[in-house]
PDB file of N, CA and C in Angstrom:
ATOM      1  N   MET A   1     103.995 111.496  98.306  1.00  0.00           N
ATOM      2  CA  MET A   1     104.824 111.065  99.407  1.00  0.00           C
ATOM      3  C   MET A   1     105.208 112.267 100.259  1.00  0.00           C
ATOM      4  N   ILE A   2     104.945 112.210 101.545  1.00  0.00           N
ATOM      5  CA  ILE A   2     105.296 113.283 102.464  1.00  0.00           C
ATOM      6  C   ILE A   2     106.742 113.083 102.906  1.00  0.00           C
ATOM      7  N   PRO A   3     107.582 114.148 102.792  1.00  0.00           N
ATOM      8  CA  PRO A   3     108.982 113.997 103.155  1.00  0.00           C
ATOM      9  C   PRO A   3     109.178 113.760 104.651  1.00  0.00           C
ATOM     10  N   ILE A   4     110.278 113.105 104.969  1.00  0.00           N
ATOM     11  CA  ILE A   4     110.618 112.855 106.373  1.00  0.00           C
ATOM     12  C   ILE A   4     110.793 114.190 107.083  1.00  0.00           C
ATOM     13  N   GLY A   5     110.185 114.302 108.265  1.00  0.00           N
ATOM     14  CA  GLY A   5     110.331 115.514 109.051  1.00  0.00           C
ATOM     15  C   GLY A   5     109.338 116.606 108.709  1.00  0.00           C
ATOM     16  N   TYR A   6     108.507 116.382 107.721  1.00  0.00           N
ATOM     17  CA  TYR A   6     107.578 117.419 107.273  1.00  0.00           C
ATOM     18  C   TYR A   6     106.678 117.913 108.399  1.00  0.00           C
ATOM     19  N   ASP A   7     106.072 117.009 109.128  1.00  0.00           N
ATOM     20  CA  ASP A   7     105.156 117.411 110.201  1.00  0.00           C
ATOM     21  C   ASP A   7     105.866 118.228 111.276  1.00  0.00           C
ATOM     22  N   GLU A   8     107.059 117.794 111.668  1.00  0.00           N
ATOM     23  CA  GLU A   8     107.820 118.522 112.687  1.00  0.00           C
ATOM     24  C   GLU A   8     108.225 119.908 112.193  1.00  0.00           C
ATOM     25  N   VAL A   9     108.626 119.987 110.958  1.00  0.00           N
ATOM     26  CA  VAL A   9     109.031 121.268 110.387  1.00  0.00           C
ATOM     27  C   VAL A   9     107.830 122.200 110.284  1.00  0.00           C
ATOM     28  N   LYS A  10     106.725 121.699 109.800  1.00  0.00           N
ATOM     29  CA  LYS A  10     105.507 122.502 109.628  1.00  0.00           C
ATOM     30  C   LYS A  10     105.082 123.139 110.955  1.00  0.00           C
ATOM     31  N   GLU A  11     105.213 122.400 112.044  1.00  0.00           N
ATOM     32  CA  GLU A  11     104.844 122.918 113.364  1.00  0.00           C
ATOM     33  C   GLU A  11     105.763 124.042 113.825  1.00  0.00           C
ATOM     34  N   CYS A  12     106.995 124.063 113.354  1.00  0.00           N
ATOM     35  CA  CYS A  12     107.980 125.047 113.809  1.00  0.00           C
ATOM     36  C   CYS A  12     108.013 126.317 112.969  1.00  0.00           C
ATOM     37  N   ILE A  13     107.503 126.279 111.763  1.00  0.00           N
ATOM     38  CA  ILE A  13     107.584 127.431 110.877  1.00  0.00           C
ATOM     39  C   ILE A  13     106.450 128.403 111.154  1.00  0.00           C
ATOM     40  N   VAL A  14     106.830 129.665 111.308  1.00  0.00           N
ATOM     41  CA  VAL A  14     105.864 130.742 111.466  1.00  0.00           C
ATOM     42  C   VAL A  14     106.065 131.676 110.284  1.00  0.00           C
ATOM     43  N   GLY A  15     105.027 131.934 109.546  1.00  0.00           N
ATOM     44  CA  GLY A  15     105.143 132.805 108.379  1.00  0.00           C
ATOM     45  C   GLY A  15     105.821 132.109 107.224  1.00  0.00           C
ATOM     46  N   THR A  16     106.600 132.881 106.474  1.00  0.00           N
ATOM     47  CA  THR A  16     107.314 132.358 105.309  1.00  0.00           C
ATOM     48  C   THR A  16     108.785 132.769 105.398  1.00  0.00           C
ATOM     49  N   PRO A  17     109.563 132.093 106.226  1.00  0.00           N
ATOM     50  CA  PRO A  17     110.947 132.502 106.465  1.00  0.00           C
ATOM     51  C   PRO A  17     111.922 132.071 105.382  1.00  0.00           C
ATOM     52  N   VAL A  18     113.102 132.673 105.440  1.00  0.00           N
ATOM     53  CA  VAL A  18     114.268 132.158 104.738  1.00  0.00           C
ATOM     54  C   VAL A  18     115.028 131.383 105.797  1.00  0.00           C
ATOM     55  N   VAL A  19     115.267 130.107 105.550  1.00  0.00           N
ATOM     56  CA  VAL A  19     115.871 129.222 106.546  1.00  0.00           C
ATOM     57  C   VAL A  19     117.307 128.907 106.148  1.00  0.00           C
ATOM     58  N   PHE A  20     118.228 129.068 107.090  1.00  0.00           N
ATOM     59  CA  PHE A  20     119.630 128.713 106.894  1.00  0.00           C
ATOM     60  C   PHE A  20     119.965 127.676 107.952  1.00  0.00           C
ATOM     61  N   VAL A  21     120.187 126.429 107.523  1.00  0.00           N
ATOM     62  CA  VAL A  21     120.530 125.361 108.462  1.00  0.00           C
ATOM     63  C   VAL A  21     121.984 124.986 108.197  1.00  0.00           C
ATOM     64  N   ASN A  22     122.839 125.332 109.145  1.00  0.00           N
ATOM     65  CA  ASN A  22     124.266 125.084 108.939  1.00  0.00           C
ATOM     66  C   ASN A  22     124.729 123.824 109.649  1.00  0.00           C
ATOM     67  N   GLY A  23     123.990 122.755 109.431  1.00  0.00           N
ATOM     68  CA  GLY A  23     124.350 121.457 109.994  1.00  0.00           C
ATOM     69  C   GLY A  23     124.804 120.502 108.902  1.00  0.00           C
ATOM     70  N   CYS A  24     125.483 119.467 109.308  1.00  0.00           N
ATOM     71  CA  CYS A  24     125.989 118.467 108.367  1.00  0.00           C
ATOM     72  C   CYS A  24     124.864 117.878 107.519  1.00  0.00           C
ATOM     73  N   LYS A  25     125.058 117.899 106.216  1.00  0.00           N
ATOM     74  CA  LYS A  25     124.121 117.312 105.258  1.00  0.00           C
ATOM     75  C   LYS A  25     122.684 117.791 105.465  1.00  0.00           C
ATOM     76  N   SER A  26     122.532 119.052 105.812  1.00  0.00           N
ATOM     77  CA  SER A  26     121.203 119.598 106.087  1.00  0.00           C
ATOM     78  C   SER A  26     120.350 119.769 104.835  1.00  0.00           C
ATOM     79  N   GLU A  27     120.926 119.577 103.660  1.00  0.00           N
ATOM     80  CA  GLU A  27     120.126 119.658 102.440  1.00  0.00           C
ATOM     81  C   GLU A  27     119.057 118.579 102.412  1.00  0.00           C
ATOM     82  N   GLU A  28     119.231 117.552 103.227  1.00  0.00           N
ATOM     83  CA  GLU A  28     118.233 116.480 103.284  1.00  0.00           C
ATOM     84  C   GLU A  28     116.887 116.960 103.831  1.00  0.00           C
ATOM     85  N   LEU A  29     116.884 118.117 104.480  1.00  0.00           N
ATOM     86  CA  LEU A  29     115.642 118.677 105.030  1.00  0.00           C
ATOM     87  C   LEU A  29     115.001 119.719 104.108  1.00  0.00           C
ATOM     88  N   THR A  30     115.618 119.989 102.986  1.00  0.00           N
ATOM     89  CA  THR A  30     115.154 121.041 102.083  1.00  0.00           C
ATOM     90  C   THR A  30     113.675 120.918 101.756  1.00  0.00           C
ATOM     91  N   ARG A  31     113.288 119.780 101.282  1.00  0.00           N
ATOM     92  CA  ARG A  31     111.904 119.588 100.842  1.00  0.00           C
ATOM     93  C   ARG A  31     110.917 119.826 101.987  1.00  0.00           C
ATOM     94  N   SER A  32     111.251 119.333 103.168  1.00  0.00           N
ATOM     95  CA  SER A  32     110.364 119.516 104.314  1.00  0.00           C
ATOM     96  C   SER A  32     110.164 120.993 104.633  1.00  0.00           C
ATOM     97  N   PHE A  33     111.239 121.773 104.598  1.00  0.00           N
ATOM     98  CA  PHE A  33     111.116 123.198 104.899  1.00  0.00           C
ATOM     99  C   PHE A  33     110.357 123.950 103.807  1.00  0.00           C
ATOM    100  N   LEU A  34     110.616 123.622 102.550  1.00  0.00           N
ATOM    101  CA  LEU A  34     109.920 124.323 101.472  1.00  0.00           C
ATOM    102  C   LEU A  34     108.432 123.979 101.447  1.00  0.00           C
ATOM    103  N   ILE A  35     108.095 122.716 101.626  1.00  0.00           N
ATOM    104  CA  ILE A  35     106.689 122.326 101.690  1.00  0.00           C
ATOM    105  C   ILE A  35     106.047 122.894 102.950  1.00  0.00           C
ATOM    106  N   GLY A  36     106.843 123.007 104.023  1.00  0.00           N
ATOM    107  CA  GLY A  36     106.350 123.537 105.284  1.00  0.00           C
ATOM    108  C   GLY A  36     106.095 125.028 105.279  1.00  0.00           C
ATOM    109  N   GLY A  37     106.565 125.746 104.254  1.00  0.00           N
ATOM    110  CA  GLY A  37     106.258 127.163 104.147  1.00  0.00           C
ATOM    111  C   GLY A  37     107.431 128.111 103.982  1.00  0.00           C
ATOM    112  N   ALA A  38     108.659 127.615 104.035  1.00  0.00           N
ATOM    113  CA  ALA A  38     109.818 128.497 103.872  1.00  0.00           C
ATOM    114  C   ALA A  38     109.875 129.019 102.432  1.00  0.00           C
ATOM    115  N   LEU A  39     110.230 130.293 102.280  1.00  0.00           N
ATOM    116  CA  LEU A  39     110.390 130.879 100.945  1.00  0.00           C
ATOM    117  C   LEU A  39     111.701 130.453 100.304  1.00  0.00           C
ATOM    118  N   ALA A  40     112.706 130.247 101.133  1.00  0.00           N
ATOM    119  CA  ALA A  40     114.016 129.821 100.642  1.00  0.00           C
ATOM    120  C   ALA A  40     114.678 128.988 101.727  1.00  0.00           C
ATOM    121  N   TYR A  41     115.610 128.152 101.304  1.00  0.00           N
ATOM    122  CA  TYR A  41     116.299 127.266 102.227  1.00  0.00           C
ATOM    123  C   TYR A  41     117.762 127.176 101.824  1.00  0.00           C
ATOM    124  N   VAL A  42     118.653 127.391 102.776  1.00  0.00           N
ATOM    125  CA  VAL A  42     120.087 127.222 102.562  1.00  0.00           C
ATOM    126  C   VAL A  42     120.540 126.086 103.464  1.00  0.00           C
ATOM    127  N   GLY A  43     121.195 125.099 102.872  1.00  0.00           N
ATOM    128  CA  GLY A  43     121.677 123.958 103.636  1.00  0.00           C
ATOM    129  C   GLY A  43     123.058 123.540 103.174  1.00  0.00           C
ATOM    130  N   MET A  44     123.581 122.519 103.801  1.00  0.00           N
ATOM    131  CA  MET A  44     124.917 121.997 103.511  1.00  0.00           C
ATOM    132  C   MET A  44     124.797 120.609 102.887  1.00  0.00           C
ATOM    133  N   ILE A  45     125.610 120.337 101.873  1.00  0.00           N
ATOM    134  CA  ILE A  45     125.543 119.038 101.210  1.00  0.00           C
ATOM    135  C   ILE A  45     126.608 118.058 101.714  1.00  0.00           C
ATOM    136  N   HIS A  46     127.469 118.503 102.630  1.00  0.00           N
ATOM    137  CA  HIS A  46     128.530 117.651 103.179  1.00  0.00           C
ATOM    138  C   HIS A  46     128.590 117.796 104.693  1.00  0.00           C
ATOM    139  N   PRO A  47     129.301 116.896 105.350  1.00  0.00           N
ATOM    140  CA  PRO A  47     129.614 117.124 106.765  1.00  0.00           C
ATOM    141  C   PRO A  47     130.504 118.372 106.864  1.00  0.00           C
ATOM    142  N   VAL A  48     130.251 119.231 107.832  1.00  0.00           N
ATOM    143  CA  VAL A  48     130.970 120.506 107.930  1.00  0.00           C
ATOM    144  C   VAL A  48     131.361 120.793 109.380  1.00  0.00           C
ATOM    145  N   HIS A  49     132.304 121.715 109.550  1.00  0.00           N
ATOM    146  CA  HIS A  49     132.763 122.108 110.881  1.00  0.00           C
ATOM    147  C   HIS A  49     131.945 123.299 111.381  1.00  0.00           C
ATOM    148  N   ASP A  50     131.515 123.235 112.627  1.00  0.00           N
ATOM    149  CA  ASP A  50     130.616 124.243 113.201  1.00  0.00           C
ATOM    150  C   ASP A  50     131.154 125.666 113.157  1.00  0.00           C
ATOM    151  N   VAL A  51     132.441 125.852 113.418  1.00  0.00           N
ATOM    152  CA  VAL A  51     133.003 127.201 113.469  1.00  0.00           C
ATOM    153  C   VAL A  51     132.833 127.913 112.133  1.00  0.00           C
ATOM    154  N   TRP A  52     133.162 127.227 111.046  1.00  0.00           N
ATOM    155  CA  TRP A  52     133.101 127.878 109.735  1.00  0.00           C
ATOM    156  C   TRP A  52     131.666 128.044 109.245  1.00  0.00           C
ATOM    157  N   THR A  53     130.814 127.091 109.555  1.00  0.00           N
ATOM    158  CA  THR A  53     129.417 127.243 109.132  1.00  0.00           C
ATOM    159  C   THR A  53     128.755 128.386 109.885  1.00  0.00           C
ATOM    160  N   ALA A  54     129.103 128.564 111.143  1.00  0.00           N
ATOM    161  CA  ALA A  54     128.552 129.687 111.916  1.00  0.00           C
ATOM    162  C   ALA A  54     129.003 131.011 111.322  1.00  0.00           C
ATOM    163  N   GLN A  55     130.262 131.101 110.910  1.00  0.00           N
ATOM    164  CA  GLN A  55     130.769 132.340 110.317  1.00  0.00           C
ATOM    165  C   GLN A  55     130.079 132.640 108.988  1.00  0.00           C
ATOM    166  N   ILE A  56     129.905 131.626 108.170  1.00  0.00           N
ATOM    167  CA  ILE A  56     129.233 131.837 106.890  1.00  0.00           C
ATOM    168  C   ILE A  56     127.781 132.261 107.100  1.00  0.00           C
ATOM    169  N   ALA A  57     127.098 131.645 108.054  1.00  0.00           N
ATOM    170  CA  ALA A  57     125.714 132.040 108.348  1.00  0.00           C
ATOM    171  C   ALA A  57     125.656 133.490 108.813  1.00  0.00           C
ATOM    172  N   LEU A  58     126.564 133.882 109.687  1.00  0.00           N
ATOM    173  CA  LEU A  58     126.615 135.268 110.158  1.00  0.00           C
ATOM    174  C   LEU A  58     126.858 136.226 108.996  1.00  0.00           C
ATOM    175  N   ASP A  59     127.814 135.890 108.142  1.00  0.00           N
ATOM    176  CA  ASP A  59     128.091 136.729 106.975  1.00  0.00           C
ATOM    177  C   ASP A  59     126.878 136.811 106.050  1.00  0.00           C
ATOM    178  N   PHE A  60     126.214 135.690 105.823  1.00  0.00           N
ATOM    179  CA  PHE A  60     125.031 135.653 104.966  1.00  0.00           C
ATOM    180  C   PHE A  60     123.954 136.614 105.481  1.00  0.00           C
ATOM    181  N   TYR A  61     123.599 136.486 106.740  1.00  0.00           N
ATOM    182  CA  TYR A  61     122.538 137.340 107.282  1.00  0.00           C
ATOM    183  C   TYR A  61     122.959 138.804 107.353  1.00  0.00           C
ATOM    184  N   THR A  62     124.239 139.066 107.589  1.00  0.00           N
ATOM    185  CA  THR A  62     124.728 140.452 107.573  1.00  0.00           C
ATOM    186  C   THR A  62     124.573 141.046 106.176  1.00  0.00           C
ATOM    187  N   TYR A  63     124.941 140.289 105.157  1.00  0.00           N
ATOM    188  CA  TYR A  63     124.807 140.770 103.780  1.00  0.00           C
ATOM    189  C   TYR A  63     123.342 140.902 103.352  1.00  0.00           C
ATOM    190  N   CYS A  64     122.456 140.138 103.965  1.00  0.00           N
ATOM    191  CA  CYS A  64     121.035 140.235 103.615  1.00  0.00           C
ATOM    192  C   CYS A  64     120.450 141.610 103.928  1.00  0.00           C
ATOM    193  N   PHE A  65     121.085 142.367 104.823  1.00  0.00           N
ATOM    194  CA  PHE A  65     120.624 143.724 105.117  1.00  0.00           C
ATOM    195  C   PHE A  65     120.862 144.659 103.930  1.00  0.00           C
ATOM    196  N   GLN A  66     121.824 144.314 103.056  1.00  0.00           N
ATOM    197  CA  GLN A  66     122.190 145.172 101.933  1.00  0.00           C
ATOM    198  C   GLN A  66     121.834 144.599 100.559  1.00  0.00           C
ATOM    199  N   TYR A  67     121.806 143.278 100.449  1.00  0.00           N
ATOM    200  CA  TYR A  67     121.687 142.634  99.145  1.00  0.00           C
ATOM    201  C   TYR A  67     120.549 141.614  99.114  1.00  0.00           C
ATOM    202  N   ARG A  68     120.198 141.200  97.919  1.00  0.00           N
ATOM    203  CA  ARG A  68     119.245 140.109  97.748  1.00  0.00           C
ATOM    204  C   ARG A  68     119.884 138.811  98.248  1.00  0.00           C
ATOM    205  N   VAL A  69     119.069 137.804  98.559  1.00  0.00           N
ATOM    206  CA  VAL A  69     119.592 136.602  99.223  1.00  0.00           C
ATOM    207  C   VAL A  69     120.643 135.856  98.388  1.00  0.00           C
ATOM    208  N   GLY A  70     120.479 135.790  97.077  1.00  0.00           N
ATOM    209  CA  GLY A  70     121.479 135.114  96.243  1.00  0.00           C
ATOM    210  C   GLY A  70     122.820 135.823  96.282  1.00  0.00           C
ATOM    211  N   GLU A  71     122.794 137.138  96.215  1.00  0.00           N
ATOM    212  CA  GLU A  71     124.032 137.922  96.284  1.00  0.00           C
ATOM    213  C   GLU A  71     124.636 137.853  97.682  1.00  0.00           C
ATOM    214  N   ALA A  72     123.801 137.849  98.705  1.00  0.00           N
ATOM    215  CA  ALA A  72     124.294 137.724 100.083  1.00  0.00           C
ATOM    216  C   ALA A  72     125.020 136.394 100.265  1.00  0.00           C
ATOM    217  N   LEU A  73     124.464 135.334  99.733  1.00  0.00           N
ATOM    218  CA  LEU A  73     125.108 134.024  99.834  1.00  0.00           C
ATOM    219  C   LEU A  73     126.408 133.985  99.041  1.00  0.00           C
ATOM    220  N   ARG A  74     126.420 134.566  97.866  1.00  0.00           N
ATOM    221  CA  ARG A  74     127.643 134.615  97.052  1.00  0.00           C
ATOM    222  C   ARG A  74     128.754 135.357  97.792  1.00  0.00           C
ATOM    223  N   ARG A  75     128.422 136.493  98.381  1.00  0.00           N
ATOM    224  CA  ARG A  75     129.422 137.277  99.113  1.00  0.00           C
ATOM    225  C   ARG A  75     129.922 136.530 100.356  1.00  0.00           C
ATOM    226  N   ALA A  76     129.023 135.846 101.047  1.00  0.00           N
ATOM    227  CA  ALA A  76     129.433 135.067 102.214  1.00  0.00           C
ATOM    228  C   ALA A  76     130.392 133.956 101.792  1.00  0.00           C
ATOM    229  N   ARG A  77     130.123 133.332 100.662  1.00  0.00           N
ATOM    230  CA  ARG A  77     131.029 132.294 100.149  1.00  0.00           C
ATOM    231  C   ARG A  77     132.405 132.879  99.849  1.00  0.00           C
ATOM    232  N   VAL A  78     132.426 133.986  99.111  1.00  0.00           N
ATOM    233  CA  VAL A  78     133.690 134.617  98.722  1.00  0.00           C
ATOM    234  C   VAL A  78     134.497 135.007  99.962  1.00  0.00           C
ATOM    235  N   ASP A  79     133.837 135.589 100.944  1.00  0.00           N
ATOM    236  CA  ASP A  79     134.531 136.008 102.170  1.00  0.00           C
ATOM    237  C   ASP A  79     135.181 134.843 102.903  1.00  0.00           C
ATOM    238  N   ASN A  80     134.669 133.648 102.718  1.00  0.00           N
ATOM    239  CA  ASN A  80     135.152 132.498 103.473  1.00  0.00           C
ATOM    240  C   ASN A  80     135.958 131.495 102.653  1.00  0.00           C
ATOM    241  N   MET A  81     136.178 131.772 101.383  1.00  0.00           N
ATOM    242  CA  MET A  81     136.877 130.821 100.511  1.00  0.00           C
ATOM    243  C   MET A  81     138.280 130.477 100.986  1.00  0.00           C
ATOM    244  N   LYS A  82     139.011 131.450 101.493  1.00  0.00           N
ATOM    245  CA  LYS A  82     140.399 131.204 101.899  1.00  0.00           C
ATOM    246  C   LYS A  82     140.503 130.657 103.318  1.00  0.00           C
ATOM    247  N   LYS A  83     139.392 130.646 104.049  1.00  0.00           N
ATOM    248  CA  LYS A  83     139.403 130.179 105.438  1.00  0.00           C
ATOM    249  C   LYS A  83     139.112 128.689 105.550  1.00  0.00           C
ATOM    250  N   SER A  84     138.209 128.213 104.705  1.00  0.00           N
ATOM    251  CA  SER A  84     137.756 126.821 104.810  1.00  0.00           C
ATOM    252  C   SER A  84     137.051 126.420 103.515  1.00  0.00           C
ATOM    253  N   ILE A  85     136.984 125.141 103.236  1.00  0.00           N
ATOM    254  CA  ILE A  85     136.286 124.622 102.059  1.00  0.00           C
ATOM    255  C   ILE A  85     134.775 124.548 102.286  1.00  0.00           C
ATOM    256  N   VAL A  86     134.318 124.880 103.468  1.00  0.00           N
ATOM    257  CA  VAL A  86     132.894 124.807 103.805  1.00  0.00           C
ATOM    258  C   VAL A  86     132.030 125.593 102.820  1.00  0.00           C
ATOM    259  N   TRP A  87     132.526 126.693 102.291  1.00  0.00           N
ATOM    260  CA  TRP A  87     131.748 127.521 101.373  1.00  0.00           C
ATOM    261  C   TRP A  87     131.206 126.702 100.198  1.00  0.00           C
ATOM    262  N   ALA A  88     131.958 125.670  99.780  1.00  0.00           N
ATOM    263  CA  ALA A  88     131.550 124.868  98.628  1.00  0.00           C
ATOM    264  C   ALA A  88     130.378 123.936  98.940  1.00  0.00           C
ATOM    265  N   SER A  89     130.076 123.745 100.200  1.00  0.00           N
ATOM    266  CA  SER A  89     129.008 122.837 100.609  1.00  0.00           C
ATOM    267  C   SER A  89     127.632 123.508 100.628  1.00  0.00           C
ATOM    268  N   LEU A  90     127.600 124.827 100.568  1.00  0.00           N
ATOM    269  CA  LEU A  90     126.328 125.559 100.639  1.00  0.00           C
ATOM    270  C   LEU A  90     125.492 125.390  99.382  1.00  0.00           C
ATOM    271  N   ILE A  91     124.204 125.196  99.580  1.00  0.00           N
ATOM    272  CA  ILE A  91     123.272 125.129  98.462  1.00  0.00           C
ATOM    273  C   ILE A  91     122.002 125.871  98.865  1.00  0.00           C
ATOM    274  N   MET A  92     121.474 126.669  97.950  1.00  0.00           N
ATOM    275  CA  MET A  92     120.273 127.433  98.250  1.00  0.00           C
ATOM    276  C   MET A  92     119.148 127.044  97.301  1.00  0.00           C
ATOM    277  N   TYR A  93     117.972 126.855  97.868  1.00  0.00           N
ATOM    278  CA  TYR A  93     116.755 126.610  97.101  1.00  0.00           C
ATOM    279  C   TYR A  93     115.832 127.782  97.357  1.00  0.00           C
ATOM    280  N   GLY A  94     115.304 128.346  96.305  1.00  0.00           N
ATOM    281  CA  GLY A  94     114.408 129.490  96.439  1.00  0.00           C
ATOM    282  C   GLY A  94     114.798 130.571  95.450  1.00  0.00           C
ATOM    283  N   ASP A  95     114.134 131.685  95.542  1.00  0.00           N
ATOM    284  CA  ASP A  95     114.338 132.802  94.630  1.00  0.00           C
ATOM    285  C   ASP A  95     115.551 133.624  95.041  1.00  0.00           C
ATOM    286  N   PRO A  96     116.654 133.608  94.271  1.00  0.00           N
ATOM    287  CA  PRO A  96     117.865 134.322  94.666  1.00  0.00           C
ATOM    288  C   PRO A  96     117.743 135.844  94.607  1.00  0.00           C
ATOM    289  N   ILE A  97     116.719 136.362  93.955  1.00  0.00           N
ATOM    290  CA  ILE A  97     116.573 137.815  93.884  1.00  0.00           C
ATOM    291  C   ILE A  97     115.626 138.377  94.945  1.00  0.00           C
ATOM    292  N   MET A  98     115.197 137.525  95.866  1.00  0.00           N
ATOM    293  CA  MET A  98     114.320 137.950  96.959  1.00  0.00           C
ATOM    294  C   MET A  98     115.119 138.803  97.950  1.00  0.00           C
ATOM    295  N   LYS A  99     114.457 139.819  98.496  1.00  0.00           N
ATOM    296  CA  LYS A  99     115.066 140.654  99.541  1.00  0.00           C
ATOM    297  C   LYS A  99     114.389 140.339 100.869  1.00  0.00           C
ATOM    298  N   LEU A 100     115.188 140.306 101.934  1.00  0.00           N
ATOM    299  CA  LEU A 100     114.631 140.051 103.257  1.00  0.00           C
ATOM    300  C   LEU A 100     114.151 141.324 103.922  1.00  0.00           C
ATOM    301  N   PHE A 101     114.805 142.425 103.689  1.00  0.00           N
ATOM    302  CA  PHE A 101     114.458 143.672 104.378  1.00  0.00           C
ATOM    303  C   PHE A 101     114.148 144.770 103.389  1.00  0.00           C
TER     304      PHE A 101
END
């Protein structure tokens, strides 16, 4: 069974990216991105507010310059725990010890 959105996702992916989708319930696209070629995928399992998801995404990518992706995501969560509950909605699929740079 081909997942919903697979063809559209496959057309948009170049190379083997780490994808962070900070939209409401974006975990529903996980399979499409992974089958489409992404090495890792970070999505949200709940409806979320744009301001906090944008901050967490920024923190995640900033930490990726220094740490592996799993540690970068953990640090982004910790940094945002007292600001919003959005941190609890993040889920990552892929190898947490992968480095981006």
